[in-house]
PDB file of N, CA and C in Angstrom:
ATOM      1  N   UNK A   1      82.987  68.987 150.796  1.00  0.00           N
ATOM      2  CA  UNK A   1      82.325  67.729 151.067  1.00  0.00           C
ATOM      3  C   UNK A   1      82.808  66.620 150.136  1.00  0.00           C
ATOM      4  N   UNK A   2      83.325  67.017 148.984  1.00  0.00           N
ATOM      5  CA  UNK A   2      83.804  65.992 148.051  1.00  0.00           C
ATOM      6  C   UNK A   2      84.996  65.246 148.628  1.00  0.00           C
ATOM      7  N   UNK A   3      85.839  65.959 149.369  1.00  0.00           N
ATOM      8  CA  UNK A   3      86.999  65.299 149.984  1.00  0.00           C
ATOM      9  C   UNK A   3      86.540  64.249 150.984  1.00  0.00           C
ATOM     10  N   UNK A   4      85.511  64.567 151.774  1.00  0.00           N
ATOM     11  CA  UNK A   4      84.960  63.598 152.727  1.00  0.00           C
ATOM     12  C   UNK A   4      84.407  62.380 151.999  1.00  0.00           C
ATOM     13  N   UNK A   5      83.719  62.615 150.893  1.00  0.00           N
ATOM     14  CA  UNK A   5      83.140  61.510 150.118  1.00  0.00           C
ATOM     15  C   UNK A   5      84.242  60.613 149.567  1.00  0.00           C
ATOM     16  N   UNK A   6      85.333  61.220 149.080  1.00  0.00           N
ATOM     17  CA  UNK A   6      86.441  60.417 148.550  1.00  0.00           C
ATOM     18  C   UNK A   6      87.063  59.561 149.650  1.00  0.00           C
ATOM     19  N   UNK A   7      87.285  60.159 150.810  1.00  0.00           N
ATOM     20  CA  UNK A   7      87.895  59.428 151.928  1.00  0.00           C
ATOM     21  C   UNK A   7      86.990  58.277 152.360  1.00  0.00           C
ATOM     22  N   UNK A   8      85.698  58.563 152.452  1.00  0.00           N
ATOM     23  CA  UNK A   8      84.735  57.538 152.856  1.00  0.00           C
ATOM     24  C   UNK A   8      84.728  56.377 151.856  1.00  0.00           C
ATOM     25  N   UNK A   9      84.729  56.714 150.568  1.00  0.00           N
ATOM     26  CA  UNK A   9      84.721  55.665 149.543  1.00  0.00           C
ATOM     27  C   UNK A   9      85.995  54.824 149.622  1.00  0.00           C
ATOM     28  N   UNK A  10      87.142  55.480 149.766  1.00  0.00           N
ATOM     29  CA  UNK A  10      88.406  54.754 149.847  1.00  0.00           C
ATOM     30  C   UNK A  10      88.440  53.835 151.066  1.00  0.00           C
ATOM     31  N   UNK A  11      88.003  54.339 152.217  1.00  0.00           N
ATOM     32  CA  UNK A  11      87.986  53.514 153.429  1.00  0.00           C
ATOM     33  C   UNK A  11      87.092  52.296 153.248  1.00  0.00           C
ATOM     34  N   UNK A  12      85.904  52.513 152.680  1.00  0.00           N
ATOM     35  CA  UNK A  12      84.958  51.419 152.459  1.00  0.00           C
ATOM     36  C   UNK A  12      85.524  50.409 151.461  1.00  0.00           C
ATOM     37  N   UNK A  13      86.119  50.911 150.389  1.00  0.00           N
ATOM     38  CA  UNK A  13      86.697  50.021 149.378  1.00  0.00           C
ATOM     39  C   UNK A  13      87.804  49.170 149.981  1.00  0.00           C
ATOM     40  N   UNK A  14      88.657  49.769 150.803  1.00  0.00           N
ATOM     41  CA  UNK A  14      89.730  49.018 151.442  1.00  0.00           C
ATOM     42  C   UNK A  14      89.174  47.957 152.388  1.00  0.00           C
ATOM     43  N   UNK A  15      88.152  48.328 153.167  1.00  0.00           N
ATOM     44  CA  UNK A  15      87.527  47.378 154.087  1.00  0.00           C
ATOM     45  C   UNK A  15      86.901  46.205 153.345  1.00  0.00           C
ATOM     46  N   UNK A  16      86.298  46.492 152.191  1.00  0.00           N
ATOM     47  CA  UNK A  16      85.600  45.457 151.413  1.00  0.00           C
ATOM     48  C   UNK A  16      86.527  44.711 150.454  1.00  0.00           C
ATOM     49  N   UNK A  17      87.800  45.064 150.441  1.00  0.00           N
ATOM     50  CA  UNK A  17      88.756  44.384 149.573  1.00  0.00           C
ATOM     51  C   UNK A  17      88.609  44.739 148.096  1.00  0.00           C
ATOM     52  N   UNK A  18      88.023  45.885 147.804  1.00  0.00           N
ATOM     53  CA  UNK A  18      87.857  46.334 146.416  1.00  0.00           C
ATOM     54  C   UNK A  18      89.190  46.877 145.915  1.00  0.00           C
ATOM     55  N   UNK A  19      89.583  46.453 144.721  1.00  0.00           N
ATOM     56  CA  UNK A  19      90.836  46.915 144.119  1.00  0.00           C
ATOM     57  C   UNK A  19      90.722  48.407 143.786  1.00  0.00           C
ATOM     58  N   UNK A  20      91.702  49.172 144.207  1.00  0.00           N
ATOM     59  CA  UNK A  20      91.763  50.604 143.898  1.00  0.00           C
ATOM     60  C   UNK A  20      92.953  50.806 142.976  1.00  0.00           C
ATOM     61  N   UNK A  21      92.711  51.140 141.703  1.00  0.00           N
ATOM     62  CA  UNK A  21      93.824  51.293 140.770  1.00  0.00           C
ATOM     63  C   UNK A  21      94.686  52.513 141.093  1.00  0.00           C
ATOM     64  N   UNK A  22      95.953  52.397 140.765  1.00  0.00           N
ATOM     65  CA  UNK A  22      96.871  53.524 140.921  1.00  0.00           C
ATOM     66  C   UNK A  22      96.523  54.605 139.901  1.00  0.00           C
ATOM     67  N   UNK A  23      96.779  55.867 140.224  1.00  0.00           N
ATOM     68  CA  UNK A  23      96.538  56.926 139.241  1.00  0.00           C
ATOM     69  C   UNK A  23      97.384  56.709 137.987  1.00  0.00           C
ATOM     70  N   UNK A  24      96.834  57.026 136.842  1.00  0.00           N
ATOM     71  CA  UNK A  24      97.569  56.887 135.579  1.00  0.00           C
ATOM     72  C   UNK A  24      98.623  57.974 135.487  1.00  0.00           C
ATOM     73  N   UNK A  25      99.775  57.615 134.944  1.00  0.00           N
ATOM     74  CA  UNK A  25     100.802  58.637 134.742  1.00  0.00           C
ATOM     75  C   UNK A  25     100.438  59.464 133.517  1.00  0.00           C
ATOM     76  N   UNK A  26     100.897  60.692 133.476  1.00  0.00           N
ATOM     77  CA  UNK A  26     100.550  61.579 132.367  1.00  0.00           C
ATOM     78  C   UNK A  26     101.156  61.113 131.055  1.00  0.00           C
ATOM     79  N   UNK A  27     102.269  60.392 131.101  1.00  0.00           N
ATOM     80  CA  UNK A  27     102.873  59.935 129.850  1.00  0.00           C
ATOM     81  C   UNK A  27     101.997  58.876 129.179  1.00  0.00           C
ATOM     82  N   UNK A  28     101.292  58.072 129.969  1.00  0.00           N
ATOM     83  CA  UNK A  28     100.395  57.062 129.410  1.00  0.00           C
ATOM     84  C   UNK A  28      99.061  57.667 128.991  1.00  0.00           C
ATOM     85  N   UNK A  29      98.703  58.756 129.611  1.00  0.00           N
ATOM     86  CA  UNK A  29      97.380  59.334 129.433  1.00  0.00           C
ATOM     87  C   UNK A  29      97.229  60.091 128.115  1.00  0.00           C
ATOM     88  N   UNK A  30      98.291  60.679 127.608  1.00  0.00           N
ATOM     89  CA  UNK A  30      98.203  61.531 126.433  1.00  0.00           C
ATOM     90  C   UNK A  30      99.045  60.966 125.305  1.00  0.00           C
ATOM     91  N   UNK A  31      98.414  60.171 124.459  1.00  0.00           N
ATOM     92  CA  UNK A  31      99.147  59.508 123.383  1.00  0.00           C
ATOM     93  C   UNK A  31      99.283  60.394 122.149  1.00  0.00           C
ATOM     94  N   UNK A  32      98.474  61.448 122.067  1.00  0.00           N
ATOM     95  CA  UNK A  32      98.479  62.273 120.862  1.00  0.00           C
ATOM     96  C   UNK A  32      97.492  61.770 119.819  1.00  0.00           C
ATOM     97  N   UNK A  33      96.780  60.718 120.141  1.00  0.00           N
ATOM     98  CA  UNK A  33      95.783  60.162 119.219  1.00  0.00           C
ATOM     99  C   UNK A  33      94.400  60.410 119.790  1.00  0.00           C
ATOM    100  N   UNK A  34      93.459  60.705 118.884  1.00  0.00           N
ATOM    101  CA  UNK A  34      92.083  60.981 119.294  1.00  0.00           C
ATOM    102  C   UNK A  34      91.153  60.580 118.160  1.00  0.00           C
ATOM    103  N   UNK A  35      90.181  59.753 118.453  1.00  0.00           N
ATOM    104  CA  UNK A  35      89.182  59.373 117.458  1.00  0.00           C
ATOM    105  C   UNK A  35      87.925  60.178 117.725  1.00  0.00           C
ATOM    106  N   UNK A  36      87.402  60.816 116.700  1.00  0.00           N
ATOM    107  CA  UNK A  36      86.228  61.680 116.856  1.00  0.00           C
ATOM    108  C   UNK A  36      85.198  61.332 115.801  1.00  0.00           C
ATOM    109  N   UNK A  37      83.957  61.173 116.222  1.00  0.00           N
ATOM    110  CA  UNK A  37      82.860  60.990 115.269  1.00  0.00           C
ATOM    111  C   UNK A  37      82.215  62.341 115.058  1.00  0.00           C
ATOM    112  N   UNK A  38      81.824  62.603 113.820  1.00  0.00           N
ATOM    113  CA  UNK A  38      81.213  63.887 113.496  1.00  0.00           C
ATOM    114  C   UNK A  38      80.214  63.694 112.370  1.00  0.00           C
ATOM    115  N   UNK A  39      79.329  64.665 112.195  1.00  0.00           N
ATOM    116  CA  UNK A  39      78.400  64.579 111.070  1.00  0.00           C
ATOM    117  C   UNK A  39      79.158  64.606 109.739  1.00  0.00           C
ATOM    118  N   UNK A  40      78.616  63.911 108.755  1.00  0.00           N
ATOM    119  CA  UNK A  40      79.255  63.870 107.434  1.00  0.00           C
ATOM    120  C   UNK A  40      79.404  65.263 106.836  1.00  0.00           C
ATOM    121  N   UNK A  41      78.426  66.098 107.080  1.00  0.00           N
ATOM    122  CA  UNK A  41      78.480  67.458 106.521  1.00  0.00           C
ATOM    123  C   UNK A  41      79.656  68.251 107.106  1.00  0.00           C
ATOM    124  N   UNK A  42      79.923  68.067 108.392  1.00  0.00           N
ATOM    125  CA  UNK A  42      81.072  68.736 109.010  1.00  0.00           C
ATOM    126  C   UNK A  42      82.365  68.175 108.448  1.00  0.00           C
ATOM    127  N   UNK A  43      82.438  66.865 108.282  1.00  0.00           N
ATOM    128  CA  UNK A  43      83.618  66.228 107.707  1.00  0.00           C
ATOM    129  C   UNK A  43      83.901  66.803 106.319  1.00  0.00           C
ATOM    130  N   UNK A  44      82.853  66.894 105.505  1.00  0.00           N
ATOM    131  CA  UNK A  44      82.997  67.441 104.152  1.00  0.00           C
ATOM    132  C   UNK A  44      83.512  68.883 104.200  1.00  0.00           C
ATOM    133  N   UNK A  45      82.941  69.697 105.087  1.00  0.00           N
ATOM    134  CA  UNK A  45      83.360  71.096 105.204  1.00  0.00           C
ATOM    135  C   UNK A  45      84.823  71.199 105.615  1.00  0.00           C
ATOM    136  N   UNK A  46      85.226  70.375 106.569  1.00  0.00           N
ATOM    137  CA  UNK A  46      86.624  70.397 107.012  1.00  0.00           C
ATOM    138  C   UNK A  46      87.575  69.995 105.886  1.00  0.00           C
ATOM    139  N   UNK A  47      87.203  68.972 105.127  1.00  0.00           N
ATOM    140  CA  UNK A  47      88.030  68.543 103.986  1.00  0.00           C
ATOM    141  C   UNK A  47      88.150  69.673 102.976  1.00  0.00           C
ATOM    142  N   UNK A  48      87.036  70.329 102.671  1.00  0.00           N
ATOM    143  CA  UNK A  48      87.058  71.425 101.696  1.00  0.00           C
ATOM    144  C   UNK A  48      87.931  72.579 102.173  1.00  0.00           C
ATOM    145  N   UNK A  49      87.816  72.932 103.453  1.00  0.00           N
ATOM    146  CA  UNK A  49      88.632  74.031 103.998  1.00  0.00           C
ATOM    147  C   UNK A  49      90.119  73.657 103.984  1.00  0.00           C
ATOM    148  N   UNK A  50      90.435  72.403 104.298  1.00  0.00           N
ATOM    149  CA  UNK A  50      91.831  71.966 104.276  1.00  0.00           C
ATOM    150  C   UNK A  50      92.387  72.052 102.864  1.00  0.00           C
ATOM    151  N   UNK A  51      91.599  71.663 101.875  1.00  0.00           N
ATOM    152  CA  UNK A  51      92.042  71.763 100.477  1.00  0.00           C
ATOM    153  C   UNK A  51      92.295  73.206 100.085  1.00  0.00           C
ATOM    154  N   UNK A  52      91.404  74.110 100.509  1.00  0.00           N
ATOM    155  CA  UNK A  52      91.591  75.545 100.221  1.00  0.00           C
ATOM    156  C   UNK A  52      92.915  76.044 100.782  1.00  0.00           C
ATOM    157  N   UNK A  53      93.268  75.560 101.965  1.00  0.00           N
ATOM    158  CA  UNK A  53      94.509  75.980 102.624  1.00  0.00           C
ATOM    159  C   UNK A  53      95.724  75.195 102.138  1.00  0.00           C
ATOM    160  N   UNK A  54      95.476  74.164 101.307  1.00  0.00           N
ATOM    161  CA  UNK A  54      96.542  73.308 100.776  1.00  0.00           C
ATOM    162  C   UNK A  54      97.335  72.627 101.893  1.00  0.00           C
ATOM    163  N   UNK A  55      96.582  72.093 102.872  1.00  0.00           N
ATOM    164  CA  UNK A  55      97.181  71.323 103.961  1.00  0.00           C
ATOM    165  C   UNK A  55      96.370  70.042 104.134  1.00  0.00           C
ATOM    166  N   UNK A  56      96.925  69.101 104.881  1.00  0.00           N
ATOM    167  CA  UNK A  56      96.187  67.863 105.137  1.00  0.00           C
ATOM    168  C   UNK A  56      95.028  68.154 106.082  1.00  0.00           C
ATOM    169  N   UNK A  57      94.061  67.267 106.057  1.00  0.00           N
ATOM    170  CA  UNK A  57      92.920  67.401 106.964  1.00  0.00           C
ATOM    171  C   UNK A  57      93.399  67.384 108.413  1.00  0.00           C
ATOM    172  N   UNK A  58      94.332  66.499 108.725  1.00  0.00           N
ATOM    173  CA  UNK A  58      94.880  66.414 110.070  1.00  0.00           C
ATOM    174  C   UNK A  58      95.513  67.741 110.502  1.00  0.00           C
ATOM    175  N   UNK A  59      96.339  68.324 109.643  1.00  0.00           N
ATOM    176  CA  UNK A  59      96.982  69.604 109.967  1.00  0.00           C
ATOM    177  C   UNK A  59      95.938  70.699 110.175  1.00  0.00           C
ATOM    178  N   UNK A  60      94.935  70.729 109.324  1.00  0.00           N
ATOM    179  CA  UNK A  60      93.904  71.750 109.422  1.00  0.00           C
ATOM    180  C   UNK A  60      93.142  71.639 110.747  1.00  0.00           C
ATOM    181  N   UNK A  61      92.748  70.411 111.107  1.00  0.00           N
ATOM    182  CA  UNK A  61      91.995  70.220 112.343  1.00  0.00           C
ATOM    183  C   UNK A  61      92.846  70.573 113.556  1.00  0.00           C
ATOM    184  N   UNK A  62      94.106  70.160 113.568  1.00  0.00           N
ATOM    185  CA  UNK A  62      94.988  70.486 114.689  1.00  0.00           C
ATOM    186  C   UNK A  62      95.137  71.995 114.825  1.00  0.00           C
ATOM    187  N   UNK A  63      95.324  72.680 113.716  1.00  0.00           N
ATOM    188  CA  UNK A  63      95.466  74.132 113.750  1.00  0.00           C
ATOM    189  C   UNK A  63      94.206  74.792 114.314  1.00  0.00           C
ATOM    190  N   UNK A  64      93.044  74.364 113.826  1.00  0.00           N
ATOM    191  CA  UNK A  64      91.791  74.968 114.278  1.00  0.00           C
ATOM    192  C   UNK A  64      91.527  74.682 115.754  1.00  0.00           C
ATOM    193  N   UNK A  65      91.813  73.467 116.198  1.00  0.00           N
ATOM    194  CA  UNK A  65      91.648  73.141 117.616  1.00  0.00           C
ATOM    195  C   UNK A  65      92.595  73.974 118.485  1.00  0.00           C
ATOM    196  N   UNK A  66      93.850  74.077 118.066  1.00  0.00           N
ATOM    197  CA  UNK A  66      94.829  74.850 118.827  1.00  0.00           C
ATOM    198  C   UNK A  66      94.411  76.311 118.925  1.00  0.00           C
ATOM    199  N   UNK A  67      93.945  76.874 117.821  1.00  0.00           N
ATOM    200  CA  UNK A  67      93.455  78.262 117.854  1.00  0.00           C
ATOM    201  C   UNK A  67      92.252  78.396 118.773  1.00  0.00           C
ATOM    202  N   UNK A  68      91.350  77.435 118.707  1.00  0.00           N
ATOM    203  CA  UNK A  68      90.118  77.497 119.489  1.00  0.00           C
ATOM    204  C   UNK A  68      90.329  77.483 120.981  1.00  0.00           C
ATOM    205  N   UNK A  69      91.376  76.808 121.441  1.00  0.00           N
ATOM    206  CA  UNK A  69      91.630  76.736 122.887  1.00  0.00           C
ATOM    207  C   UNK A  69      92.687  77.749 123.331  1.00  0.00           C
ATOM    208  N   UNK A  70      93.138  78.600 122.414  1.00  0.00           N
ATOM    209  CA  UNK A  70      94.119  79.625 122.784  1.00  0.00           C
ATOM    210  C   UNK A  70      95.553  79.140 122.786  1.00  0.00           C
ATOM    211  N   UNK A  71      95.795  77.967 122.218  1.00  0.00           N
ATOM    212  CA  UNK A  71      97.153  77.420 122.143  1.00  0.00           C
ATOM    213  C   UNK A  71      97.985  78.199 121.142  1.00  0.00           C
ATOM    214  N   UNK A  72      97.335  78.749 120.129  1.00  0.00           N
ATOM    215  CA  UNK A  72      97.983  79.583 119.118  1.00  0.00           C
ATOM    216  C   UNK A  72      97.286  80.933 119.082  1.00  0.00           C
ATOM    217  N   UNK A  73      98.009  81.988 118.737  1.00  0.00           N
ATOM    218  CA  UNK A  73      97.329  83.288 118.575  1.00  0.00           C
ATOM    219  C   UNK A  73      96.381  83.267 117.396  1.00  0.00           C
ATOM    220  N   UNK A  74      95.317  84.052 117.476  1.00  0.00           N
ATOM    221  CA  UNK A  74      94.319  84.109 116.393  1.00  0.00           C
ATOM    222  C   UNK A  74      94.778  84.987 115.254  1.00  0.00           C
TER     223      UNK A  74
END
C-alpha cells in the first residue's frame, strides 16, 4: 500500500505544481561528518577510555561505532 500512497502523492503534487526534489546522490549524502549531542558523563567516560587506549577521542569513537555495527570484528 505504501507504493500506492507514493504514486498518489506524486500525482497530486504534480497536478498542484508542488516542487518535487530530485533524489540526493550518495556522494553528497555521506560527508563523513556527524555532530552528536550526548550527556556530559558519557563524554567524560569516552575521553577517559580514549586516554587509556592512548588514542584520540575521534579514533576511539569511530572504532567503537564500527565494532558495534559489525564493521570490524570484535
